[in-house]
C-alpha cells in the first residue's frame, strides 16, 4: 500500500495497532502510548518534528477548542464528524496549528470501555496539519485490516488481581474472596446491581436453610488499557435457628464483572457448599476470565479460577 501525502509524494506504509483500531501511517512515523487508569492515549508522531496525531479511547473524553475555530466535516465509519481547527502562537511568535474531533461509536463495534474516539492534531504548518488529518481519517477497526498487527494484552503495572478465602485454603492466587463489611455505602448503593437472589424463605425449599443475594458495583470508567475494578458481594442469611445469622463476603480483584449463572443451590452438609455461582472478570476489553464462588456454612467462601480465559471483544 502507498500513501500520497505531502505535496503528492508517494510514501511507504506501516500499520499501528491502536487498541481495537488500526491506523495506516507513512514509514518513519512513531507510535507512543500512555496508559491511564481507565483509558488509553496514543500519539503518532511525524518525523522531523512535523507534528503528531493523538487518539483517546475511553468513555470520558475531553475536547479542546481554541478561539476563532473553523470547522471541516468528514466521515468516519458510520458517523458524520467534524474537525474543529484553530491556530495558536507561542511567545516567540511560532504558530501551532490544531485540529480536534470527537465521535461516539463511529464504527458500531467498539468494546464497552471504548465508546468514544477522540482525535487531535498538532502541526507546525497548515500543510502538515492537513496531511495529519488525512492520516487520522483513515483509522479503521483492526478486524477489517489483515495487515494490522495482532493484539497483545498489555502487562499491568501492578500484579494481577488476587482470589483467596480468609478461612479456607487458597484456590487461586490472583483473586480473593473473604468475609467483609461494606466500607463505602453511599457509592455502593448508588452503583450496585443485584445479579441473583434466592426466593423468599417461605417460597424456597425447606431443606436449604440459607438465603442468598449476589450484588456488585463497578467503578466508573472505561476499559483502556485495564478495565475498572469491581466489587462483588455475597450476602447469605439463615433465620432457622431463632437468631438471625447474616454473613457478608466480598470478591476482590475482579474487573468489569458480569454474572453468569448459579451452578448449585442445595443443602448437602454444613461443610459442603450449599451455594455456587460463576462470574466473569474482564481485566482488559479483549480478555475474559471465569471464576466460581462457593459458599458453605462451616468453611465460609472460596473461589476457583475456571478453565475459560477467552481473548475476544465479545468474550461470550
C-alpha atoms as a PDB file:
ATOM      1  CA  UNK A   1       0.000   0.000   0.000  1.00  0.00           C
ATOM      2  CA  UNK A   2       1.211   3.508  -0.835  1.00  0.00           C
ATOM      3  CA  UNK A   3       0.110   6.721   0.853  1.00  0.00           C
ATOM      4  CA  UNK A   4       0.357  10.004  -1.011  1.00  0.00           C
ATOM      5  CA  UNK A   5       0.617  12.843   1.467  1.00  0.00           C
ATOM      6  CA  UNK A   6       2.887  15.824   1.443  1.00  0.00           C
ATOM      7  CA  UNK A   7       2.653  17.606  -1.934  1.00  0.00           C
ATOM      8  CA  UNK A   8       1.848  14.366  -3.796  1.00  0.00           C
ATOM      9  CA  UNK A   9       4.924  12.411  -2.720  1.00  0.00           C
ATOM     10  CA  UNK A  10       4.499   8.629  -2.591  1.00  0.00           C
ATOM     11  CA  UNK A  11       5.418   7.160   0.796  1.00  0.00           C
ATOM     12  CA  UNK A  12       5.552   3.558   2.080  1.00  0.00           C
ATOM     13  CA  UNK A  13       3.065   2.496   4.725  1.00  0.00           C
ATOM     14  CA  UNK A  14       3.188   0.871   8.136  1.00  0.00           C
ATOM     15  CA  UNK A  15       0.271  -0.165  10.340  1.00  0.00           C
ATOM     16  CA  UNK A  16      -0.184   0.746  14.003  1.00  0.00           C
ATOM     17  CA  UNK A  17      -2.480  -1.153  16.369  1.00  0.00           C
ATOM     18  CA  UNK A  18      -4.423   1.345  18.466  1.00  0.00           C
ATOM     19  CA  UNK A  19      -6.410  -0.882  20.805  1.00  0.00           C
ATOM     20  CA  UNK A  20      -9.271  -2.234  18.678  1.00  0.00           C
ATOM     21  CA  UNK A  21      -8.392   0.127  15.822  1.00  0.00           C
ATOM     22  CA  UNK A  22      -5.743   0.151  13.108  1.00  0.00           C
ATOM     23  CA  UNK A  23      -4.017   3.150  11.549  1.00  0.00           C
ATOM     24  CA  UNK A  24      -2.050   3.247   8.305  1.00  0.00           C
ATOM     25  CA  UNK A  25       0.806   5.736   8.643  1.00  0.00           C
ATOM     26  CA  UNK A  26       3.837   6.591   6.483  1.00  0.00           C
ATOM     27  CA  UNK A  27       7.182   4.990   7.167  1.00  0.00           C
ATOM     28  CA  UNK A  28       9.186   6.989   9.672  1.00  0.00           C
ATOM     29  CA  UNK A  29       6.230   7.750  11.926  1.00  0.00           C
ATOM     30  CA  UNK A  30       6.417   6.532  15.538  1.00  0.00           C
ATOM     31  CA  UNK A  31       3.656   5.291  17.824  1.00  0.00           C
ATOM     32  CA  UNK A  32       3.695   6.206  21.530  1.00  0.00           C
ATOM     33  CA  UNK A  33       1.132   5.222  24.151  1.00  0.00           C
ATOM     34  CA  UNK A  34       0.247   6.348  27.638  1.00  0.00           C
ATOM     35  CA  UNK A  35      -1.821   4.111  29.888  1.00  0.00           C
ATOM     36  CA  UNK A  36      -4.312   5.705  32.241  1.00  0.00           C
ATOM     37  CA  UNK A  37      -6.461   4.074  34.935  1.00  0.00           C
ATOM     38  CA  UNK A  38      -9.496   3.724  32.653  1.00  0.00           C
ATOM     39  CA  UNK A  39      -8.361   4.916  29.246  1.00  0.00           C
ATOM     40  CA  UNK A  40      -5.527   4.826  26.751  1.00  0.00           C
ATOM     41  CA  UNK A  41      -3.919   7.706  24.864  1.00  0.00           C
ATOM     42  CA  UNK A  42      -1.886   7.064  21.736  1.00  0.00           C
ATOM     43  CA  UNK A  43       0.249   9.543  19.841  1.00  0.00           C
ATOM     44  CA  UNK A  44       1.526   9.058  16.309  1.00  0.00           C
ATOM     45  CA  UNK A  45       4.491  11.366  15.745  1.00  0.00           C
ATOM     46  CA  UNK A  46       5.650  12.534  12.344  1.00  0.00           C
ATOM     47  CA  UNK A  47       9.403  12.634  11.691  1.00  0.00           C
ATOM     48  CA  UNK A  48      11.421  15.850  11.855  1.00  0.00           C
ATOM     49  CA  UNK A  49       9.060  17.436  14.414  1.00  0.00           C
ATOM     50  CA  UNK A  50       6.412  17.769  11.737  1.00  0.00           C
ATOM     51  CA  UNK A  51       3.510  17.304  14.120  1.00  0.00           C
ATOM     52  CA  UNK A  52       1.537  14.498  15.724  1.00  0.00           C
ATOM     53  CA  UNK A  53      -1.889  12.846  15.932  1.00  0.00           C
ATOM     54  CA  UNK A  54      -3.414  11.971  19.297  1.00  0.00           C
ATOM     55  CA  UNK A  55      -6.005   9.250  19.902  1.00  0.00           C
ATOM     56  CA  UNK A  56      -8.035   8.848  23.085  1.00  0.00           C
ATOM     57  CA  UNK A  57     -10.050   5.637  23.594  1.00  0.00           C
ATOM     58  CA  UNK A  58     -12.365   5.559  26.566  1.00  0.00           C
ATOM     59  CA  UNK A  59     -15.702   6.689  27.947  1.00  0.00           C
ATOM     60  CA  UNK A  60     -14.895  10.155  29.282  1.00  0.00           C
ATOM     61  CA  UNK A  61     -13.298  12.265  26.543  1.00  0.00           C
ATOM     62  CA  UNK A  62     -12.425  15.946  26.878  1.00  0.00           C
ATOM     63  CA  UNK A  63     -12.369  18.026  23.729  1.00  0.00           C
ATOM     64  CA  UNK A  64     -10.349  21.182  23.251  1.00  0.00           C
ATOM     65  CA  UNK A  65     -11.259  24.087  21.035  1.00  0.00           C
ATOM     66  CA  UNK A  66      -9.311  27.307  20.623  1.00  0.00           C
ATOM     67  CA  UNK A  67     -10.586  30.760  19.808  1.00  0.00           C
ATOM     68  CA  UNK A  68     -11.974  31.526  16.364  1.00  0.00           C
ATOM     69  CA  UNK A  69     -12.065  27.838  15.434  1.00  0.00           C
ATOM     70  CA  UNK A  70     -13.205  26.877  11.966  1.00  0.00           C
ATOM     71  CA  UNK A  71     -14.926  23.615  11.040  1.00  0.00           C
ATOM     72  CA  UNK A  72     -14.429  20.913   8.435  1.00  0.00           C
ATOM     73  CA  UNK A  73     -16.746  17.924   8.086  1.00  0.00           C
ATOM     74  CA  UNK A  74     -15.639  14.385   7.339  1.00  0.00           C
ATOM     75  CA  UNK A  75     -16.982  10.877   7.699  1.00  0.00           C
ATOM     76  CA  UNK A  76     -15.510   8.142   9.844  1.00  0.00           C
ATOM     77  CA  UNK A  77     -17.126   4.723   9.738  1.00  0.00           C
ATOM     78  CA  UNK A  78     -20.845   5.200  10.039  1.00  0.00           C
ATOM     79  CA  UNK A  79     -20.631   8.654  11.639  1.00  0.00           C
ATOM     80  CA  UNK A  80     -20.525  12.159  10.278  1.00  0.00           C
ATOM     81  CA  UNK A  81     -17.835  14.005  12.194  1.00  0.00           C
ATOM     82  CA  UNK A  82     -16.339  17.466  12.339  1.00  0.00           C
ATOM     83  CA  UNK A  83     -12.862  18.831  12.816  1.00  0.00           C
ATOM     84  CA  UNK A  84     -12.515  21.997  14.885  1.00  0.00           C
ATOM     85  CA  UNK A  85      -9.393  23.849  13.714  1.00  0.00           C
ATOM     86  CA  UNK A  86      -7.547  26.812  15.147  1.00  0.00           C
ATOM     87  CA  UNK A  87      -4.117  28.387  15.473  1.00  0.00           C
ATOM     88  CA  UNK A  88      -2.049  29.318  18.495  1.00  0.00           C
ATOM     89  CA  UNK A  89       1.159  31.326  18.720  1.00  0.00           C
ATOM     90  CA  UNK A  90       3.976  30.802  21.168  1.00  0.00           C
ATOM     91  CA  UNK A  91       5.741  33.666  22.940  1.00  0.00           C
ATOM     92  CA  UNK A  92       8.327  33.781  20.153  1.00  0.00           C
ATOM     93  CA  UNK A  93       5.584  34.052  17.534  1.00  0.00           C
ATOM     94  CA  UNK A  94       5.932  30.495  16.197  1.00  0.00           C
ATOM     95  CA  UNK A  95       2.489  29.159  15.199  1.00  0.00           C
ATOM     96  CA  UNK A  96       0.994  25.787  16.082  1.00  0.00           C
ATOM     97  CA  UNK A  97      -1.971  24.545  14.072  1.00  0.00           C
ATOM     98  CA  UNK A  98      -4.547  22.437  15.909  1.00  0.00           C
ATOM     99  CA  UNK A  99      -7.442  20.190  14.902  1.00  0.00           C
ATOM    100  CA  UNK A 100      -9.809  18.316  17.216  1.00  0.00           C
ATOM    101  CA  UNK A 101     -12.621  15.799  16.581  1.00  0.00           C
ATOM    102  CA  UNK A 102     -14.678  13.583  18.869  1.00  0.00           C
ATOM    103  CA  UNK A 103     -17.055  10.727  17.942  1.00  0.00           C
ATOM    104  CA  UNK A 104     -19.246   8.280  19.814  1.00  0.00           C
ATOM    105  CA  UNK A 105     -19.190   4.713  18.457  1.00  0.00           C
ATOM    106  CA  UNK A 106     -18.046   5.694  14.981  1.00  0.00           C
ATOM    107  CA  UNK A 107     -17.874   2.082  13.777  1.00  0.00           C
ATOM    108  CA  UNK A 108     -20.543   0.445  15.909  1.00  0.00           C
ATOM    109  CA  UNK A 109     -18.195  -2.346  17.034  1.00  0.00           C
ATOM    110  CA  UNK A 110     -16.485  -0.583  19.945  1.00  0.00           C
ATOM    111  CA  UNK A 111     -15.904  -2.545  23.177  1.00  0.00           C
ATOM    112  CA  UNK A 112     -17.689  -1.335  26.302  1.00  0.00           C
ATOM    113  CA  UNK A 113     -14.682   0.584  27.574  1.00  0.00           C
ATOM    114  CA  UNK A 114     -14.033   2.489  24.337  1.00  0.00           C
ATOM    115  CA  UNK A 115     -17.320   4.118  23.448  1.00  0.00           C
ATOM    116  CA  UNK A 116     -15.670   7.397  22.436  1.00  0.00           C
ATOM    117  CA  UNK A 117     -12.896   8.104  19.969  1.00  0.00           C
ATOM    118  CA  UNK A 118     -11.236  11.488  20.380  1.00  0.00           C
ATOM    119  CA  UNK A 119      -8.596  12.555  17.824  1.00  0.00           C
ATOM    120  CA  UNK A 120      -6.477  15.678  17.812  1.00  0.00           C
ATOM    121  CA  UNK A 121      -3.709  17.053  15.625  1.00  0.00           C
ATOM    122  CA  UNK A 122      -0.855  19.456  16.342  1.00  0.00           C
ATOM    123  CA  UNK A 123       1.363  20.643  13.486  1.00  0.00           C
ATOM    124  CA  UNK A 124       3.802  23.457  12.666  1.00  0.00           C
ATOM    125  CA  UNK A 125       2.116  24.380   9.376  1.00  0.00           C
ATOM    126  CA  UNK A 126      -1.228  24.272   7.619  1.00  0.00           C
ATOM    127  CA  UNK A 127       0.080  21.724   5.108  1.00  0.00           C
ATOM    128  CA  UNK A 128       1.369  19.423   7.842  1.00  0.00           C
ATOM    129  CA  UNK A 129      -1.913  19.665   9.744  1.00  0.00           C
ATOM    130  CA  UNK A 130      -3.935  18.787   6.647  1.00  0.00           C
ATOM    131  CA  UNK A 131      -1.700  15.777   5.957  1.00  0.00           C
ATOM    132  CA  UNK A 132      -2.046  14.522   9.534  1.00  0.00           C
ATOM    133  CA  UNK A 133      -5.812  14.940   9.403  1.00  0.00           C
ATOM    134  CA  UNK A 134      -5.934  12.787   6.281  1.00  0.00           C
ATOM    135  CA  UNK A 135      -3.945  10.079   8.077  1.00  0.00           C
ATOM    136  CA  UNK A 136      -6.231  10.218  11.128  1.00  0.00           C
ATOM    137  CA  UNK A 137      -9.332   9.889   8.962  1.00  0.00           C
ATOM    138  CA  UNK A 138      -8.034   6.524   7.708  1.00  0.00           C
ATOM    139  CA  UNK A 139      -8.287   4.858  11.112  1.00  0.00           C
ATOM    140  CA  UNK A 140     -10.469   1.736  10.961  1.00  0.00           C
ATOM    141  CA  UNK A 141     -11.399  -1.330  13.022  1.00  0.00           C
ATOM    142  CA  UNK A 142      -8.423  -3.665  13.216  1.00  0.00           C
ATOM    143  CA  UNK A 143     -10.671  -6.601  12.342  1.00  0.00           C
ATOM    144  CA  UNK A 144     -11.128  -5.171   8.852  1.00  0.00           C
ATOM    145  CA  UNK A 145      -7.427  -4.954   8.087  1.00  0.00           C
ATOM    146  CA  UNK A 146      -5.491  -8.248   7.850  1.00  0.00           C
ATOM    147  CA  UNK A 147      -2.222  -6.276   7.721  1.00  0.00           C
ATOM    148  CA  UNK A 148      -2.742  -4.786  11.155  1.00  0.00           C
ATOM    149  CA  UNK A 149      -0.554  -6.255  13.922  1.00  0.00           C
ATOM    150  CA  UNK A 150      -2.117  -8.753  16.286  1.00  0.00           C
ATOM    151  CA  UNK A 151      -3.450  -7.507  19.575  1.00  0.00           C
ATOM    152  CA  UNK A 152      -1.272  -8.318  22.595  1.00  0.00           C
ATOM    153  CA  UNK A 153      -2.804  -7.628  26.037  1.00  0.00           C
ATOM    154  CA  UNK A 154      -0.634  -5.235  27.963  1.00  0.00           C
ATOM    155  CA  UNK A 155       1.025  -6.355  31.138  1.00  0.00           C
ATOM    156  CA  UNK A 156      -0.495  -4.453  34.054  1.00  0.00           C
ATOM    157  CA  UNK A 157       1.732  -2.181  36.099  1.00  0.00           C
ATOM    158  CA  UNK A 158       0.538  -3.909  39.271  1.00  0.00           C
ATOM    159  CA  UNK A 159       0.234  -7.635  39.965  1.00  0.00           C
ATOM    160  CA  UNK A 160      -2.900  -9.251  38.564  1.00  0.00           C
ATOM    161  CA  UNK A 161      -5.901  -9.364  40.873  1.00  0.00           C
ATOM    162  CA  UNK A 162      -5.871 -11.973  43.559  1.00  0.00           C
ATOM    163  CA  UNK A 163      -8.968 -14.825  44.748  1.00  0.00           C
ATOM    164  CA  UNK A 164      -8.277 -16.181  48.299  1.00  0.00           C
ATOM    165  CA  UNK A 165     -10.734 -17.090  51.051  1.00  0.00           C
ATOM    166  CA  UNK A 166      -9.942 -15.848  54.540  1.00  0.00           C
ATOM    167  CA  UNK A 167     -10.932 -19.057  56.286  1.00  0.00           C
ATOM    168  CA  UNK A 168     -10.353 -21.723  53.676  1.00  0.00           C
ATOM    169  CA  UNK A 169      -7.452 -23.000  51.550  1.00  0.00           C
ATOM    170  CA  UNK A 170      -6.140 -20.785  48.781  1.00  0.00           C
ATOM    171  CA  UNK A 171      -7.599 -21.942  45.481  1.00  0.00           C
ATOM    172  CA  UNK A 172      -6.188 -19.239  43.208  1.00  0.00           C
ATOM    173  CA  UNK A 173      -3.514 -16.630  43.902  1.00  0.00           C
ATOM    174  CA  UNK A 174      -4.941 -13.801  41.814  1.00  0.00           C
ATOM    175  CA  UNK A 175      -8.450 -13.061  43.087  1.00  0.00           C
ATOM    176  CA  UNK A 176      -9.694 -13.221  46.687  1.00  0.00           C
ATOM    177  CA  UNK A 177     -12.982 -13.791  48.446  1.00  0.00           C
ATOM    178  CA  UNK A 178     -13.247 -13.007  52.147  1.00  0.00           C
ATOM    179  CA  UNK A 179     -15.692 -12.087  54.853  1.00  0.00           C
ATOM    180  CA  UNK A 180     -16.137  -8.349  54.724  1.00  0.00           C
ATOM    181  CA  UNK A 181     -18.101  -5.247  55.609  1.00  0.00           C
ATOM    182  CA  UNK A 182     -19.042  -2.582  53.095  1.00  0.00           C
ATOM    183  CA  UNK A 183     -16.868   0.475  53.692  1.00  0.00           C
ATOM    184  CA  UNK A 184     -18.279   2.952  51.184  1.00  0.00           C
ATOM    185  CA  UNK A 185     -22.031   2.574  51.478  1.00  0.00           C
ATOM    186  CA  UNK A 186     -23.137   5.741  49.601  1.00  0.00           C
ATOM    187  CA  UNK A 187     -21.115   4.938  46.480  1.00  0.00           C
ATOM    188  CA  UNK A 188     -22.007   1.272  46.541  1.00  0.00           C
ATOM    189  CA  UNK A 189     -25.718   1.896  46.995  1.00  0.00           C
ATOM    190  CA  UNK A 190     -25.703   4.360  44.114  1.00  0.00           C
ATOM    191  CA  UNK A 191     -23.938   1.976  41.725  1.00  0.00           C
ATOM    192  CA  UNK A 192     -24.903  -1.525  42.820  1.00  0.00           C
ATOM    193  CA  UNK A 193     -26.855  -4.049  40.813  1.00  0.00           C
ATOM    194  CA  UNK A 194     -28.485  -7.240  42.072  1.00  0.00           C
ATOM    195  CA  UNK A 195     -27.276 -10.088  39.883  1.00  0.00           C
ATOM    196  CA  UNK A 196     -29.025 -13.037  41.541  1.00  0.00           C
ATOM    197  CA  UNK A 197     -31.014 -13.848  44.666  1.00  0.00           C
ATOM    198  CA  UNK A 198     -32.851 -16.736  46.211  1.00  0.00           C
ATOM    199  CA  UNK A 199     -36.575 -16.900  46.693  1.00  0.00           C
ATOM    200  CA  UNK A 200     -38.140 -15.736  49.921  1.00  0.00           C
ATOM    201  CA  UNK A 201     -37.824 -18.231  52.798  1.00  0.00           C
ATOM    202  CA  UNK A 202     -41.469 -19.333  52.566  1.00  0.00           C
ATOM    203  CA  UNK A 203     -41.117 -19.878  48.788  1.00  0.00           C
ATOM    204  CA  UNK A 204     -37.929 -21.902  48.631  1.00  0.00           C
ATOM    205  CA  UNK A 205     -37.155 -25.480  49.589  1.00  0.00           C
ATOM    206  CA  UNK A 206     -37.274 -26.062  53.361  1.00  0.00           C
ATOM    207  CA  UNK A 207     -34.142 -28.182  53.011  1.00  0.00           C
ATOM    208  CA  UNK A 208     -31.963 -25.144  52.240  1.00  0.00           C
ATOM    209  CA  UNK A 209     -31.697 -23.014  55.392  1.00  0.00           C
ATOM    210  CA  UNK A 210     -29.701 -20.184  53.775  1.00  0.00           C
ATOM    211  CA  UNK A 211     -30.985 -17.349  51.610  1.00  0.00           C
ATOM    212  CA  UNK A 212     -28.556 -15.513  49.331  1.00  0.00           C
ATOM    213  CA  UNK A 213     -28.157 -12.367  47.287  1.00  0.00           C
ATOM    214  CA  UNK A 214     -25.316 -11.598  44.850  1.00  0.00           C
ATOM    215  CA  UNK A 215     -24.769  -7.936  44.110  1.00  0.00           C
ATOM    216  CA  UNK A 216     -21.944  -5.718  42.987  1.00  0.00           C
ATOM    217  CA  UNK A 217     -20.727  -2.457  41.546  1.00  0.00           C
ATOM    218  CA  UNK A 218     -18.084  -1.407  39.047  1.00  0.00           C
ATOM    219  CA  UNK A 219     -16.148   1.817  39.426  1.00  0.00           C
ATOM    220  CA  UNK A 220     -16.931   4.442  36.819  1.00  0.00           C
ATOM    221  CA  UNK A 221     -14.544   4.483  33.861  1.00  0.00           C
ATOM    222  CA  UNK A 222     -13.648   2.857  30.611  1.00  0.00           C
ATOM    223  CA  UNK A 223     -11.644  -0.227  29.776  1.00  0.00           C
ATOM    224  CA  UNK A 224      -8.416   1.100  28.324  1.00  0.00           C
ATOM    225  CA  UNK A 225      -5.952  -0.282  28.970  1.00  0.00           C
ATOM    226  CA  UNK A 226      -7.271  -2.042  32.036  1.00  0.00           C
ATOM    227  CA  UNK A 227     -10.937  -2.229  32.954  1.00  0.00           C
ATOM    228  CA  UNK A 228     -12.032  -0.517  36.187  1.00  0.00           C
ATOM    229  CA  UNK A 229     -12.222  -2.615  39.363  1.00  0.00           C
ATOM    230  CA  UNK A 230     -15.474  -4.166  40.532  1.00  0.00           C
ATOM    231  CA  UNK A 231     -16.596  -5.225  43.979  1.00  0.00           C
ATOM    232  CA  UNK A 232     -18.868  -8.248  44.174  1.00  0.00           C
ATOM    233  CA  UNK A 233     -20.707  -9.036  47.402  1.00  0.00           C
ATOM    234  CA  UNK A 234     -22.447 -12.200  48.526  1.00  0.00           C
ATOM    235  CA  UNK A 235     -24.935 -11.813  51.383  1.00  0.00           C
ATOM    236  CA  UNK A 236     -26.247 -15.006  52.978  1.00  0.00           C
ATOM    237  CA  UNK A 237     -28.723 -15.262  55.848  1.00  0.00           C
ATOM    238  CA  UNK A 238     -30.216 -18.021  57.988  1.00  0.00           C
ATOM    239  CA  UNK A 239     -33.175 -17.407  60.296  1.00  0.00           C
ATOM    240  CA  UNK A 240     -33.928 -21.025  61.122  1.00  0.00           C
ATOM    241  CA  UNK A 241     -32.073 -21.093  64.432  1.00  0.00           C
ATOM    242  CA  UNK A 242     -34.207 -18.494  66.165  1.00  0.00           C
ATOM    243  CA  UNK A 243     -31.458 -15.870  65.817  1.00  0.00           C
ATOM    244  CA  UNK A 244     -30.502 -14.259  62.533  1.00  0.00           C
ATOM    245  CA  UNK A 245     -27.164 -15.413  61.122  1.00  0.00           C
ATOM    246  CA  UNK A 246     -26.194 -12.990  58.339  1.00  0.00           C
ATOM    247  CA  UNK A 247     -22.797 -13.067  56.634  1.00  0.00           C
ATOM    248  CA  UNK A 248     -21.239 -10.820  54.028  1.00  0.00           C
ATOM    249  CA  UNK A 249     -18.450 -11.934  51.669  1.00  0.00           C
ATOM    250  CA  UNK A 250     -16.609  -9.813  49.109  1.00  0.00           C
ATOM    251  CA  UNK A 251     -14.862 -10.922  45.933  1.00  0.00           C
ATOM    252  CA  UNK A 252     -11.800  -8.765  45.410  1.00  0.00           C
ATOM    253  CA  UNK A 253      -9.659  -8.304  42.312  1.00  0.00           C
ATOM    254  CA  UNK A 254     -12.489  -8.680  39.801  1.00  0.00           C
ATOM    255  CA  UNK A 255     -12.635  -6.138  36.991  1.00  0.00           C
ATOM    256  CA  UNK A 256     -15.678  -5.111  34.976  1.00  0.00           C
ATOM    257  CA  UNK A 257     -17.656  -8.082  36.231  1.00  0.00           C
ATOM    258  CA  UNK A 258     -20.675  -9.873  34.867  1.00  0.00           C
ATOM    259  CA  UNK A 259     -22.800 -12.585  36.427  1.00  0.00           C
ATOM    260  CA  UNK A 260     -23.014 -15.886  34.533  1.00  0.00           C
ATOM    261  CA  UNK A 261     -25.191 -18.391  36.377  1.00  0.00           C
ATOM    262  CA  UNK A 262     -25.918 -20.222  39.642  1.00  0.00           C
ATOM    263  CA  UNK A 263     -24.358 -23.675  39.458  1.00  0.00           C
ATOM    264  CA  UNK A 264     -25.564 -25.018  42.813  1.00  0.00           C
ATOM    265  CA  UNK A 265     -28.166 -24.126  45.418  1.00  0.00           C
ATOM    266  CA  UNK A 266     -28.936 -27.122  47.592  1.00  0.00           C
ATOM    267  CA  UNK A 267     -28.062 -28.293  51.062  1.00  0.00           C
ATOM    268  CA  UNK A 268     -25.644 -31.209  51.455  1.00  0.00           C
ATOM    269  CA  UNK A 269     -23.923 -30.744  54.802  1.00  0.00           C
ATOM    270  CA  UNK A 270     -22.527 -27.905  56.978  1.00  0.00           C
ATOM    271  CA  UNK A 271     -19.065 -28.338  55.437  1.00  0.00           C
ATOM    272  CA  UNK A 272     -20.143 -28.715  51.806  1.00  0.00           C
ATOM    273  CA  UNK A 273     -21.023 -25.717  49.619  1.00  0.00           C
ATOM    274  CA  UNK A 274     -24.741 -25.002  49.510  1.00  0.00           C
ATOM    275  CA  UNK A 275     -24.305 -22.138  47.030  1.00  0.00           C
ATOM    276  CA  UNK A 276     -22.083 -21.858  43.958  1.00  0.00           C
ATOM    277  CA  UNK A 277     -22.169 -19.414  41.068  1.00  0.00           C
ATOM    278  CA  UNK A 278     -19.961 -18.282  38.177  1.00  0.00           C
ATOM    279  CA  UNK A 279     -18.885 -14.704  37.459  1.00  0.00           C
ATOM    280  CA  UNK A 280     -16.720 -13.259  34.699  1.00  0.00           C
ATOM    281  CA  UNK A 281     -13.901 -10.778  35.225  1.00  0.00           C
ATOM    282  CA  UNK A 282     -12.813  -8.579  32.331  1.00  0.00           C
ATOM    283  CA  UNK A 283      -9.329  -7.220  33.166  1.00  0.00           C
ATOM    284  CA  UNK A 284      -8.940  -5.956  29.595  1.00  0.00           C
ATOM    285  CA  UNK A 285     -11.546  -5.216  26.893  1.00  0.00           C
ATOM    286  CA  UNK A 286     -10.455  -8.303  24.977  1.00  0.00           C
ATOM    287  CA  UNK A 287      -9.822 -10.698  27.875  1.00  0.00           C
ATOM    288  CA  UNK A 288     -12.464 -12.529  29.950  1.00  0.00           C
ATOM    289  CA  UNK A 289     -11.836 -14.901  32.859  1.00  0.00           C
ATOM    290  CA  UNK A 290     -14.418 -17.045  34.637  1.00  0.00           C
ATOM    291  CA  UNK A 291     -14.438 -17.790  38.369  1.00  0.00           C
ATOM    292  CA  UNK A 292     -16.701 -19.967  40.504  1.00  0.00           C
ATOM    293  CA  UNK A 293     -17.576 -18.789  44.016  1.00  0.00           C
ATOM    294  CA  UNK A 294     -18.670 -21.388  46.582  1.00  0.00           C
ATOM    295  CA  UNK A 295     -20.207 -20.728  49.995  1.00  0.00           C
ATOM    296  CA  UNK A 296     -20.600 -23.240  52.819  1.00  0.00           C
ATOM    297  CA  UNK A 297     -21.850 -22.894  56.381  1.00  0.00           C
ATOM    298  CA  UNK A 298     -18.721 -24.048  58.183  1.00  0.00           C
ATOM    299  CA  UNK A 299     -15.932 -23.184  55.735  1.00  0.00           C
ATOM    300  CA  UNK A 300     -17.082 -19.779  54.549  1.00  0.00           C
ATOM    301  CA  UNK A 301     -16.468 -18.743  50.958  1.00  0.00           C
ATOM    302  CA  UNK A 302     -13.887 -19.848  48.411  1.00  0.00           C
ATOM    303  CA  UNK A 303     -13.234 -19.083  44.787  1.00  0.00           C
ATOM    304  CA  UNK A 304     -11.710 -21.043  41.933  1.00  0.00           C
ATOM    305  CA  UNK A 305     -10.477 -19.878  38.556  1.00  0.00           C
ATOM    306  CA  UNK A 306     -12.199 -21.902  35.843  1.00  0.00           C
ATOM    307  CA  UNK A 307     -10.616 -23.032  32.628  1.00  0.00           C
ATOM    308  CA  UNK A 308     -12.137 -20.397  30.341  1.00  0.00           C
ATOM    309  CA  UNK A 309      -9.863 -17.499  29.518  1.00  0.00           C
ATOM    310  CA  UNK A 310     -11.149 -16.081  26.281  1.00  0.00           C
ATOM    311  CA  UNK A 311      -9.493 -13.310  24.312  1.00  0.00           C
ATOM    312  CA  UNK A 312     -12.030 -11.615  22.047  1.00  0.00           C
ATOM    313  CA  UNK A 313     -14.047  -8.421  22.050  1.00  0.00           C
ATOM    314  CA  UNK A 314     -17.336 -10.102  22.878  1.00  0.00           C
ATOM    315  CA  UNK A 315     -15.983 -12.654  25.372  1.00  0.00           C
ATOM    316  CA  UNK A 316     -19.266 -14.563  25.214  1.00  0.00           C
END
